[in-house]
Amino acid sequence: MHSIGIMMKEEKKKQTETSWEN
């Protein structure tokens, strides 16, 4: 359960970084 939360958080962070780059 905790792993999913961390994964989701990391994925969201990656998406935000990509958005900023674009």
PDB file of N, CA and C in Angstrom:
ATOM      1  N   MET A   1       0.849  -1.199   0.000  1.00  0.00           N
ATOM      2  CA  MET A   1       0.000   0.000   0.000  1.00  0.00           C
ATOM      3  C   MET A   1       0.889   1.255   0.000  1.00  0.00           C
ATOM      4  N   HIS A   2       1.858   1.273   0.902  1.00  0.00           N
ATOM      5  CA  HIS A   2       2.724   2.446   0.969  1.00  0.00           C
ATOM      6  C   HIS A   2       3.509   2.598  -0.338  1.00  0.00           C
ATOM      7  N   SER A   3       3.903   1.470  -0.916  1.00  0.00           N
ATOM      8  CA  SER A   3       4.689   1.526  -2.157  1.00  0.00           C
ATOM      9  C   SER A   3       3.898   2.251  -3.241  1.00  0.00           C
ATOM     10  N   ILE A   4       2.606   1.937  -3.348  1.00  0.00           N
ATOM     11  CA  ILE A   4       1.777   2.577  -4.388  1.00  0.00           C
ATOM     12  C   ILE A   4       1.751   4.087  -4.163  1.00  0.00           C
ATOM     13  N   GLY A   5       1.575   4.505  -2.931  1.00  0.00           N
ATOM     14  CA  GLY A   5       1.522   5.940  -2.633  1.00  0.00           C
ATOM     15  C   GLY A   5       2.817   6.624  -3.043  1.00  0.00           C
ATOM     16  N   ILE A   6       3.927   5.995  -2.720  1.00  0.00           N
ATOM     17  CA  ILE A   6       5.222   6.591  -3.081  1.00  0.00           C
ATOM     18  C   ILE A   6       5.366   6.631  -4.596  1.00  0.00           C
ATOM     19  N   MET A   7       4.993   5.548  -5.245  1.00  0.00           N
ATOM     20  CA  MET A   7       5.108   5.493  -6.707  1.00  0.00           C
ATOM     21  C   MET A   7       4.264   6.602  -7.338  1.00  0.00           C
ATOM     22  N   MET A   8       3.040   6.730  -6.858  1.00  0.00           N
ATOM     23  CA  MET A   8       2.148   7.751  -7.418  1.00  0.00           C
ATOM     24  C   MET A   8       2.744   9.148  -7.195  1.00  0.00           C
ATOM     25  N   LYS A   9       3.269   9.357  -5.994  1.00  0.00           N
ATOM     26  CA  LYS A   9       3.851  10.666  -5.680  1.00  0.00           C
ATOM     27  C   LYS A   9       5.041  10.949  -6.609  1.00  0.00           C
ATOM     28  N   GLU A  10       5.875   9.932  -6.791  1.00  0.00           N
ATOM     29  CA  GLU A  10       7.059  10.120  -7.646  1.00  0.00           C
ATOM     30  C   GLU A  10       6.625  10.383  -9.087  1.00  0.00           C
ATOM     31  N   GLU A  11       5.611   9.640  -9.532  1.00  0.00           N
ATOM     32  CA  GLU A  11       5.153   9.820 -10.911  1.00  0.00           C
ATOM     33  C   GLU A  11       4.623  11.238 -11.103  1.00  0.00           C
ATOM     34  N   LYS A  12       3.879  11.711 -10.122  1.00  0.00           N
ATOM     35  CA  LYS A  12       3.312  13.062 -10.229  1.00  0.00           C
ATOM     36  C   LYS A  12       4.459  14.077 -10.282  1.00  0.00           C
ATOM     37  N   LYS A  13       5.476  13.857  -9.464  1.00  0.00           N
ATOM     38  CA  LYS A  13       6.611  14.781  -9.438  1.00  0.00           C
ATOM     39  C   LYS A  13       7.284  14.785 -10.814  1.00  0.00           C
ATOM     40  N   LYS A  14       7.444  13.615 -11.397  1.00  0.00           N
ATOM     41  CA  LYS A  14       8.090  13.526 -12.706  1.00  0.00           C
ATOM     42  C   LYS A  14       7.243  14.272 -13.743  1.00  0.00           C
ATOM     43  N   GLN A  15       5.937  14.081 -13.674  1.00  0.00           N
ATOM     44  CA  GLN A  15       5.046  14.758 -14.635  1.00  0.00           C
ATOM     45  C   GLN A  15       5.172  16.262 -14.487  1.00  0.00           C
ATOM     46  N   THR A  16       5.235  16.736 -13.258  1.00  0.00           N
ATOM     47  CA  THR A  16       5.339  18.187 -13.029  1.00  0.00           C
ATOM     48  C   THR A  16       6.645  18.703 -13.618  1.00  0.00           C
ATOM     49  N   GLU A  17       7.714  17.964 -13.406  1.00  0.00           N
ATOM     50  CA  GLU A  17       9.011  18.399 -13.934  1.00  0.00           C
ATOM     51  C   GLU A  17       8.958  18.470 -15.455  1.00  0.00           C
ATOM     52  N   THR A  18       8.314  17.481 -16.068  1.00  0.00           N
ATOM     53  CA  THR A  18       8.217  17.474 -17.535  1.00  0.00           C
ATOM     54  C   THR A  18       7.415  18.674 -17.997  1.00  0.00           C
ATOM     55  N   SER A  19       6.333  18.960 -17.308  1.00  0.00           N
ATOM     56  CA  SER A  19       5.484  20.099 -17.690  1.00  0.00           C
ATOM     57  C   SER A  19       6.302  21.391 -17.631  1.00  0.00           C
ATOM     58  N   TRP A  20       7.096  21.519 -16.583  1.00  0.00           N
ATOM     59  CA  TRP A  20       7.894  22.735 -16.434  1.00  0.00           C
ATOM     60  C   TRP A  20       8.913  22.841 -17.570  1.00  0.00           C
ATOM     61  N   GLU A  21       9.499  21.687 -17.939  1.00  0.00           N
ATOM     62  CA  GLU A  21      10.512  21.710 -18.991  1.00  0.00           C
ATOM     63  C   GLU A  21       9.884  22.174 -20.297  1.00  0.00           C
ATOM     64  N   ASN A  22       8.682  21.699 -20.556  1.00  0.00           N
ATOM     65  CA  ASN A  22       7.999  22.097 -21.799  1.00  0.00           C
ATOM     66  C   ASN A  22       7.514  23.502 -21.569  1.00  0.00           C
TER      67      ASN A  22
END
